[in-house]
Amino acid sequence: MGVEDAALPVDTAAVPPPGRVYALPQLRPATPDDAREIVALLAAVALEGTLGLEHTALRAEEEATRLARLDLRAACAVVVTLEGHVRGFAIAVRGAEAAIAHTAGVSVAVAADSRRRGCGGLLLGGALAWARAAGVRKLCAGVVDRNGPALALFHRAGYSVEGIRRGQIAHAGRLADEIMFGLQVDAPLVPGEPRRKRTRGRDGKRRDV
């Protein structure tokens, strides 16, 4: 799987201060052997109330099975490692219905002690590389409104806010809004799909025809 992270803006917050050296995060496809570390990571982040899931619902055995059966035509899963340990995880899943099969939903999680080191950008870069290779035309994501770092991450990666789902996420007795992001992917045409042309309307905006 290629990495397209070079196309993303540089995260200056990930640059270590003078005199301090960080290990560089490494991006690679997730494997069943990563399942325990992935589940531990997701459980820790879920406690922050920013994932929209309960940590008690996570099982390493189920995650290992899912990764072993992963079909790259329908989904991808990538991890970022630091010093050999999984510190970030992203999964992108293609729409199951024909009407939304050109889209994929993206979820990203980075361990609290590994943030501001470029992990999130690498994960989104991995998802974007898969989307282009798989012919996915649009990536979508939902981010809890109080998750400032994640909101900034998706903005830096070129995602646009497409809407807000009010009171969508419940955590610790409180309701939070979910910010809906979308990214149009410059994906190659899949075999048999008619080629679209670009034209400019009277309002000056370019459209597919």
C-alpha atoms as a PDB file:
ATOM      1  CA  MET A   1       0.000   0.000   0.000  1.00  0.00           C
ATOM      2  CA  GLY A   2       1.453   3.353  -1.005  1.00  0.00           C
ATOM      3  CA  VAL A   3       1.661   6.368   1.272  1.00  0.00           C
ATOM      4  CA  GLU A   4       0.364   9.689  -0.055  1.00  0.00           C
ATOM      5  CA  ASP A   5       1.144  11.688   3.078  1.00  0.00           C
ATOM      6  CA  ALA A   6       3.593  13.869   1.169  1.00  0.00           C
ATOM      7  CA  ALA A   7       0.564  15.553  -0.407  1.00  0.00           C
ATOM      8  CA  LEU A   8      -0.687  16.676   3.009  1.00  0.00           C
ATOM      9  CA  PRO A   9       0.366  19.998   4.553  1.00  0.00           C
ATOM     10  CA  VAL A  10       3.280  19.742   6.972  1.00  0.00           C
ATOM     11  CA  ASP A  11       2.134  19.574  10.592  1.00  0.00           C
ATOM     12  CA  THR A  12       4.498  21.998  12.263  1.00  0.00           C
ATOM     13  CA  ALA A  13       3.210  20.872  15.665  1.00  0.00           C
ATOM     14  CA  ALA A  14       4.822  17.497  14.967  1.00  0.00           C
ATOM     15  CA  VAL A  15       8.322  19.003  14.708  1.00  0.00           C
ATOM     16  CA  PRO A  16      10.276  18.314  17.938  1.00  0.00           C
ATOM     17  CA  PRO A  17      11.751  21.281  19.800  1.00  0.00           C
ATOM     18  CA  PRO A  18      15.502  21.973  19.440  1.00  0.00           C
ATOM     19  CA  GLY A  19      17.658  19.474  21.325  1.00  0.00           C
ATOM     20  CA  ARG A  20      14.912  16.818  21.528  1.00  0.00           C
ATOM     21  CA  VAL A  21      14.825  13.770  19.243  1.00  0.00           C
ATOM     22  CA  TYR A  22      11.692  11.753  18.542  1.00  0.00           C
ATOM     23  CA  ALA A  23      11.420   8.368  16.876  1.00  0.00           C
ATOM     24  CA  LEU A  24       9.690   8.793  13.533  1.00  0.00           C
ATOM     25  CA  PRO A  25       6.220   7.213  13.231  1.00  0.00           C
ATOM     26  CA  GLN A  26       5.945   4.431  10.663  1.00  0.00           C
ATOM     27  CA  LEU A  27       2.827   3.654   8.633  1.00  0.00           C
ATOM     28  CA  ARG A  28       1.952   0.128   7.528  1.00  0.00           C
ATOM     29  CA  PRO A  29      -1.094  -2.100   6.910  1.00  0.00           C
ATOM     30  CA  ALA A  30      -2.685  -3.517  10.058  1.00  0.00           C
ATOM     31  CA  THR A  31      -2.340  -7.282  10.608  1.00  0.00           C
ATOM     32  CA  PRO A  32      -4.126  -9.750  12.910  1.00  0.00           C
ATOM     33  CA  ASP A  33      -1.034  -9.687  15.138  1.00  0.00           C
ATOM     34  CA  ASP A  34      -1.785  -6.007  15.865  1.00  0.00           C
ATOM     35  CA  ALA A  35      -5.261  -6.760  17.222  1.00  0.00           C
ATOM     36  CA  ARG A  36      -4.462  -6.600  20.941  1.00  0.00           C
ATOM     37  CA  GLU A  37      -2.619  -3.298  20.669  1.00  0.00           C
ATOM     38  CA  ILE A  38      -5.331  -1.856  18.415  1.00  0.00           C
ATOM     39  CA  VAL A  39      -8.072  -2.814  20.878  1.00  0.00           C
ATOM     40  CA  ALA A  40      -6.096  -1.384  23.807  1.00  0.00           C
ATOM     41  CA  LEU A  41      -5.585   1.850  21.874  1.00  0.00           C
ATOM     42  CA  LEU A  42      -9.257   2.159  20.914  1.00  0.00           C
ATOM     43  CA  ALA A  43     -10.371   1.382  24.470  1.00  0.00           C
ATOM     44  CA  ALA A  44      -8.156   4.160  25.857  1.00  0.00           C
ATOM     45  CA  VAL A  45      -9.345   6.704  23.292  1.00  0.00           C
ATOM     46  CA  ALA A  46     -12.982   5.634  23.744  1.00  0.00           C
ATOM     47  CA  LEU A  47     -12.765   6.649  27.393  1.00  0.00           C
ATOM     48  CA  GLU A  48     -12.196  10.221  26.182  1.00  0.00           C
ATOM     49  CA  GLY A  49     -15.647  10.162  24.583  1.00  0.00           C
ATOM     50  CA  THR A  50     -14.363  11.092  21.120  1.00  0.00           C
ATOM     51  CA  LEU A  51     -14.899   7.846  19.197  1.00  0.00           C
ATOM     52  CA  GLY A  52     -18.614   7.320  19.639  1.00  0.00           C
ATOM     53  CA  LEU A  53     -18.138   3.737  20.886  1.00  0.00           C
ATOM     54  CA  GLU A  54     -17.919   1.939  24.215  1.00  0.00           C
ATOM     55  CA  HIS A  55     -14.528   0.485  25.135  1.00  0.00           C
ATOM     56  CA  THR A  56     -16.200  -2.535  26.760  1.00  0.00           C
ATOM     57  CA  ALA A  57     -17.525  -3.647  23.348  1.00  0.00           C
ATOM     58  CA  LEU A  58     -14.034  -4.203  21.950  1.00  0.00           C
ATOM     59  CA  ARG A  59     -12.557  -7.714  21.709  1.00  0.00           C
ATOM     60  CA  ALA A  60      -9.060  -8.550  20.467  1.00  0.00           C
ATOM     61  CA  GLU A  61     -10.152 -11.891  19.039  1.00  0.00           C
ATOM     62  CA  GLU A  62     -12.920 -10.276  16.987  1.00  0.00           C
ATOM     63  CA  GLU A  63     -10.550  -7.580  15.750  1.00  0.00           C
ATOM     64  CA  ALA A  64      -7.974 -10.187  14.697  1.00  0.00           C
ATOM     65  CA  THR A  65     -10.630 -12.078  12.746  1.00  0.00           C
ATOM     66  CA  ARG A  66     -11.815  -8.917  11.030  1.00  0.00           C
ATOM     67  CA  LEU A  67      -8.278  -7.993   9.992  1.00  0.00           C
ATOM     68  CA  ALA A  68      -7.574 -11.510   8.738  1.00  0.00           C
ATOM     69  CA  ARG A  69     -10.657 -11.374   6.495  1.00  0.00           C
ATOM     70  CA  LEU A  70     -10.182  -7.799   5.297  1.00  0.00           C
ATOM     71  CA  ASP A  71     -10.982  -7.361   1.610  1.00  0.00           C
ATOM     72  CA  LEU A  72      -8.971  -4.422   0.231  1.00  0.00           C
ATOM     73  CA  ARG A  73     -11.637  -3.815  -2.395  1.00  0.00           C
ATOM     74  CA  ALA A  74     -14.060  -2.926   0.394  1.00  0.00           C
ATOM     75  CA  ALA A  75     -11.917  -1.606   3.259  1.00  0.00           C
ATOM     76  CA  CYS A  76      -8.445  -0.845   4.497  1.00  0.00           C
ATOM     77  CA  ALA A  77      -6.889  -0.771   7.962  1.00  0.00           C
ATOM     78  CA  VAL A  78      -3.549   0.871   8.721  1.00  0.00           C
ATOM     79  CA  VAL A  79      -1.508   1.445  11.846  1.00  0.00           C
ATOM     80  CA  VAL A  80       1.204   3.865  12.857  1.00  0.00           C
ATOM     81  CA  THR A  81       3.946   2.440  15.045  1.00  0.00           C
ATOM     82  CA  LEU A  82       6.469   4.148  17.274  1.00  0.00           C
ATOM     83  CA  GLU A  83       9.416   2.111  18.507  1.00  0.00           C
ATOM     84  CA  GLY A  84       7.647  -1.051  17.389  1.00  0.00           C
ATOM     85  CA  HIS A  85       4.322  -0.436  19.144  1.00  0.00           C
ATOM     86  CA  VAL A  86       0.958   0.509  17.634  1.00  0.00           C
ATOM     87  CA  ARG A  87       0.185   4.117  18.575  1.00  0.00           C
ATOM     88  CA  GLY A  88      -2.330   4.984  15.873  1.00  0.00           C
ATOM     89  CA  PHE A  89      -5.018   3.185  13.888  1.00  0.00           C
ATOM     90  CA  ALA A  90      -7.288   4.088  10.984  1.00  0.00           C
ATOM     91  CA  ILE A  91      -9.901   2.143   9.113  1.00  0.00           C
ATOM     92  CA  ALA A  92     -11.783   3.098   5.958  1.00  0.00           C
ATOM     93  CA  VAL A  93     -14.876   1.113   4.949  1.00  0.00           C
ATOM     94  CA  ARG A  94     -16.563   1.389   1.592  1.00  0.00           C
ATOM     95  CA  GLY A  95     -20.322   1.953   1.399  1.00  0.00           C
ATOM     96  CA  ALA A  96     -22.131  -1.389   1.197  1.00  0.00           C
ATOM     97  CA  GLU A  97     -25.049  -0.198  -0.945  1.00  0.00           C
ATOM     98  CA  ALA A  98     -24.655   0.510  -4.668  1.00  0.00           C
ATOM     99  CA  ALA A  99     -25.702   4.142  -4.270  1.00  0.00           C
ATOM    100  CA  ILE A 100     -22.848   4.861  -1.860  1.00  0.00           C
ATOM    101  CA  ALA A 101     -20.251   2.354  -3.039  1.00  0.00           C
ATOM    102  CA  HIS A 102     -18.156   5.239  -4.374  1.00  0.00           C
ATOM    103  CA  THR A 103     -17.705   6.532  -0.804  1.00  0.00           C
ATOM    104  CA  ALA A 104     -15.906   5.258   2.285  1.00  0.00           C
ATOM    105  CA  GLY A 105     -16.139   6.204   5.952  1.00  0.00           C
ATOM    106  CA  VAL A 106     -12.882   6.888   7.784  1.00  0.00           C
ATOM    107  CA  SER A 107     -12.173   6.535  11.506  1.00  0.00           C
ATOM    108  CA  VAL A 108      -8.861   7.542  13.116  1.00  0.00           C
ATOM    109  CA  ALA A 109      -7.491   7.068  16.631  1.00  0.00           C
ATOM    110  CA  VAL A 110      -4.091   8.106  18.018  1.00  0.00           C
ATOM    111  CA  ALA A 111      -2.820   7.345  21.524  1.00  0.00           C
ATOM    112  CA  ALA A 112      -2.764  10.408  23.782  1.00  0.00           C
ATOM    113  CA  ASP A 113       0.987  10.167  24.401  1.00  0.00           C
ATOM    114  CA  SER A 114       1.747  10.000  20.665  1.00  0.00           C
ATOM    115  CA  ARG A 115      -0.206  12.988  19.392  1.00  0.00           C
ATOM    116  CA  ARG A 116       1.297  16.064  17.722  1.00  0.00           C
ATOM    117  CA  ARG A 117       3.940  13.873  16.100  1.00  0.00           C
ATOM    118  CA  GLY A 118       2.431  13.467  12.643  1.00  0.00           C
ATOM    119  CA  CYS A 119       0.660  10.147  13.309  1.00  0.00           C
ATOM    120  CA  GLY A 120      -2.782  11.369  12.288  1.00  0.00           C
ATOM    121  CA  GLY A 121      -1.526  12.788   8.997  1.00  0.00           C
ATOM    122  CA  LEU A 122       0.168   9.510   8.140  1.00  0.00           C
ATOM    123  CA  LEU A 123      -3.011   7.555   8.885  1.00  0.00           C
ATOM    124  CA  LEU A 124      -5.162   9.798   6.701  1.00  0.00           C
ATOM    125  CA  GLY A 125      -2.509   9.594   3.997  1.00  0.00           C
ATOM    126  CA  GLY A 126      -2.719   5.807   4.094  1.00  0.00           C
ATOM    127  CA  ALA A 127      -6.519   5.913   3.812  1.00  0.00           C
ATOM    128  CA  LEU A 128      -6.264   8.316   0.879  1.00  0.00           C
ATOM    129  CA  ALA A 129      -3.764   6.090  -0.937  1.00  0.00           C
ATOM    130  CA  TRP A 130      -6.113   3.114  -0.546  1.00  0.00           C
ATOM    131  CA  ALA A 131      -9.095   5.165  -1.741  1.00  0.00           C
ATOM    132  CA  ARG A 132      -7.305   6.165  -4.932  1.00  0.00           C
ATOM    133  CA  ALA A 133      -6.179   2.599  -5.614  1.00  0.00           C
ATOM    134  CA  ALA A 134      -9.663   1.190  -4.914  1.00  0.00           C
ATOM    135  CA  GLY A 135     -11.514   3.757  -7.024  1.00  0.00           C
ATOM    136  CA  VAL A 136     -13.241   5.390  -4.055  1.00  0.00           C
ATOM    137  CA  ARG A 137     -14.442   8.869  -5.031  1.00  0.00           C
ATOM    138  CA  LYS A 138     -15.197  10.340  -1.620  1.00  0.00           C
ATOM    139  CA  LEU A 139     -13.976   9.876   1.958  1.00  0.00           C
ATOM    140  CA  CYS A 140     -16.264  10.786   4.845  1.00  0.00           C
ATOM    141  CA  ALA A 141     -15.685  11.146   8.586  1.00  0.00           C
ATOM    142  CA  GLY A 142     -17.539  12.182  11.716  1.00  0.00           C
ATOM    143  CA  VAL A 143     -15.689  14.003  14.519  1.00  0.00           C
ATOM    144  CA  VAL A 144     -16.993  14.879  17.980  1.00  0.00           C
ATOM    145  CA  ASP A 145     -17.164  18.651  18.282  1.00  0.00           C
ATOM    146  CA  ARG A 146     -15.017  18.820  21.408  1.00  0.00           C
ATOM    147  CA  ASN A 147     -12.163  16.909  19.762  1.00  0.00           C
ATOM    148  CA  GLY A 148     -10.142  19.948  18.702  1.00  0.00           C
ATOM    149  CA  PRO A 149      -7.017  18.064  17.539  1.00  0.00           C
ATOM    150  CA  ALA A 150      -9.066  15.757  15.283  1.00  0.00           C
ATOM    151  CA  LEU A 151     -11.005  18.692  13.825  1.00  0.00           C
ATOM    152  CA  ALA A 152      -7.710  20.416  13.007  1.00  0.00           C
ATOM    153  CA  LEU A 153      -6.297  17.198  11.538  1.00  0.00           C
ATOM    154  CA  PHE A 154      -9.128  16.761   9.028  1.00  0.00           C
ATOM    155  CA  HIS A 155      -9.009  20.433   8.054  1.00  0.00           C
ATOM    156  CA  ARG A 156      -5.263  20.176   7.393  1.00  0.00           C
ATOM    157  CA  ALA A 157      -5.832  17.061   5.275  1.00  0.00           C
ATOM    158  CA  GLY A 158      -8.181  19.002   2.993  1.00  0.00           C
ATOM    159  CA  TYR A 159     -11.535  17.725   4.296  1.00  0.00           C
ATOM    160  CA  SER A 160     -14.500  20.120   4.247  1.00  0.00           C
ATOM    161  CA  VAL A 161     -17.278  20.406   6.824  1.00  0.00           C
ATOM    162  CA  GLU A 162     -20.500  19.186   5.227  1.00  0.00           C
ATOM    163  CA  GLY A 163     -22.859  19.319   8.185  1.00  0.00           C
ATOM    164  CA  ILE A 164     -23.445  18.924  11.912  1.00  0.00           C
ATOM    165  CA  ARG A 165     -25.469  16.240  13.657  1.00  0.00           C
ATOM    166  CA  ARG A 166     -26.673  17.885  16.853  1.00  0.00           C
ATOM    167  CA  GLY A 167     -26.559  15.839  20.060  1.00  0.00           C
ATOM    168  CA  GLN A 168     -25.365  12.783  18.149  1.00  0.00           C
ATOM    169  CA  ILE A 169     -22.781  11.429  20.629  1.00  0.00           C
ATOM    170  CA  ALA A 170     -23.579  10.613  24.271  1.00  0.00           C
ATOM    171  CA  HIS A 171     -20.735  10.342  26.786  1.00  0.00           C
ATOM    172  CA  ALA A 172     -20.619  10.686  30.578  1.00  0.00           C
ATOM    173  CA  GLY A 173     -24.182  11.973  30.712  1.00  0.00           C
ATOM    174  CA  ARG A 174     -23.607  14.683  28.112  1.00  0.00           C
ATOM    175  CA  LEU A 175     -24.529  15.019  24.457  1.00  0.00           C
ATOM    176  CA  ALA A 176     -22.035  16.268  21.895  1.00  0.00           C
ATOM    177  CA  ASP A 177     -22.419  17.295  18.282  1.00  0.00           C
ATOM    178  CA  GLU A 178     -20.792  15.333  15.467  1.00  0.00           C
ATOM    179  CA  ILE A 179     -19.068  17.354  12.740  1.00  0.00           C
ATOM    180  CA  MET A 180     -19.395  15.666   9.353  1.00  0.00           C
ATOM    181  CA  PHE A 181     -16.387  15.944   7.014  1.00  0.00           C
ATOM    182  CA  GLY A 182     -15.972  14.996   3.372  1.00  0.00           C
ATOM    183  CA  LEU A 183     -13.066  14.817   0.929  1.00  0.00           C
ATOM    184  CA  GLN A 184     -13.463  14.431  -2.827  1.00  0.00           C
ATOM    185  CA  VAL A 185     -10.853  11.930  -4.005  1.00  0.00           C
ATOM    186  CA  ASP A 186      -9.108  12.233  -7.344  1.00  0.00           C
ATOM    187  CA  ALA A 187      -9.451   8.501  -7.916  1.00  0.00           C
ATOM    188  CA  PRO A 188      -8.807   6.711 -11.215  1.00  0.00           C
ATOM    189  CA  LEU A 189     -11.891   5.554 -13.068  1.00  0.00           C
ATOM    190  CA  VAL A 190     -12.934   2.000 -12.353  1.00  0.00           C
ATOM    191  CA  PRO A 191     -13.257  -0.347 -15.371  1.00  0.00           C
ATOM    192  CA  GLY A 192     -16.525   0.168 -17.239  1.00  0.00           C
ATOM    193  CA  GLU A 193     -17.332   3.532 -15.638  1.00  0.00           C
ATOM    194  CA  PRO A 194     -18.070   6.302 -18.193  1.00  0.00           C
ATOM    195  CA  ARG A 195     -15.523   9.100 -18.210  1.00  0.00           C
ATOM    196  CA  ARG A 196     -16.896  12.405 -16.956  1.00  0.00           C
ATOM    197  CA  LYS A 197     -16.167  15.757 -18.551  1.00  0.00           C
ATOM    198  CA  ARG A 198     -15.659  19.034 -16.747  1.00  0.00           C
ATOM    199  CA  THR A 199     -17.541  22.137 -17.885  1.00  0.00           C
ATOM    200  CA  ARG A 200     -18.050  25.627 -16.500  1.00  0.00           C
ATOM    201  CA  GLY A 201     -21.563  26.937 -15.940  1.00  0.00           C
ATOM    202  CA  ARG A 202     -22.885  30.471 -16.203  1.00  0.00           C
ATOM    203  CA  ASP A 203     -22.145  31.004 -12.538  1.00  0.00           C
ATOM    204  CA  GLY A 204     -18.459  30.276 -13.195  1.00  0.00           C
ATOM    205  CA  LYS A 205     -18.413  27.005 -11.232  1.00  0.00           C
ATOM    206  CA  ARG A 206     -16.967  23.843 -12.777  1.00  0.00           C
ATOM    207  CA  ARG A 207     -19.177  20.743 -12.881  1.00  0.00           C
ATOM    208  CA  ASP A 208     -19.050  17.118 -14.017  1.00  0.00           C
ATOM    209  CA  VAL A 209     -21.251  16.268 -16.994  1.00  0.00           C
END
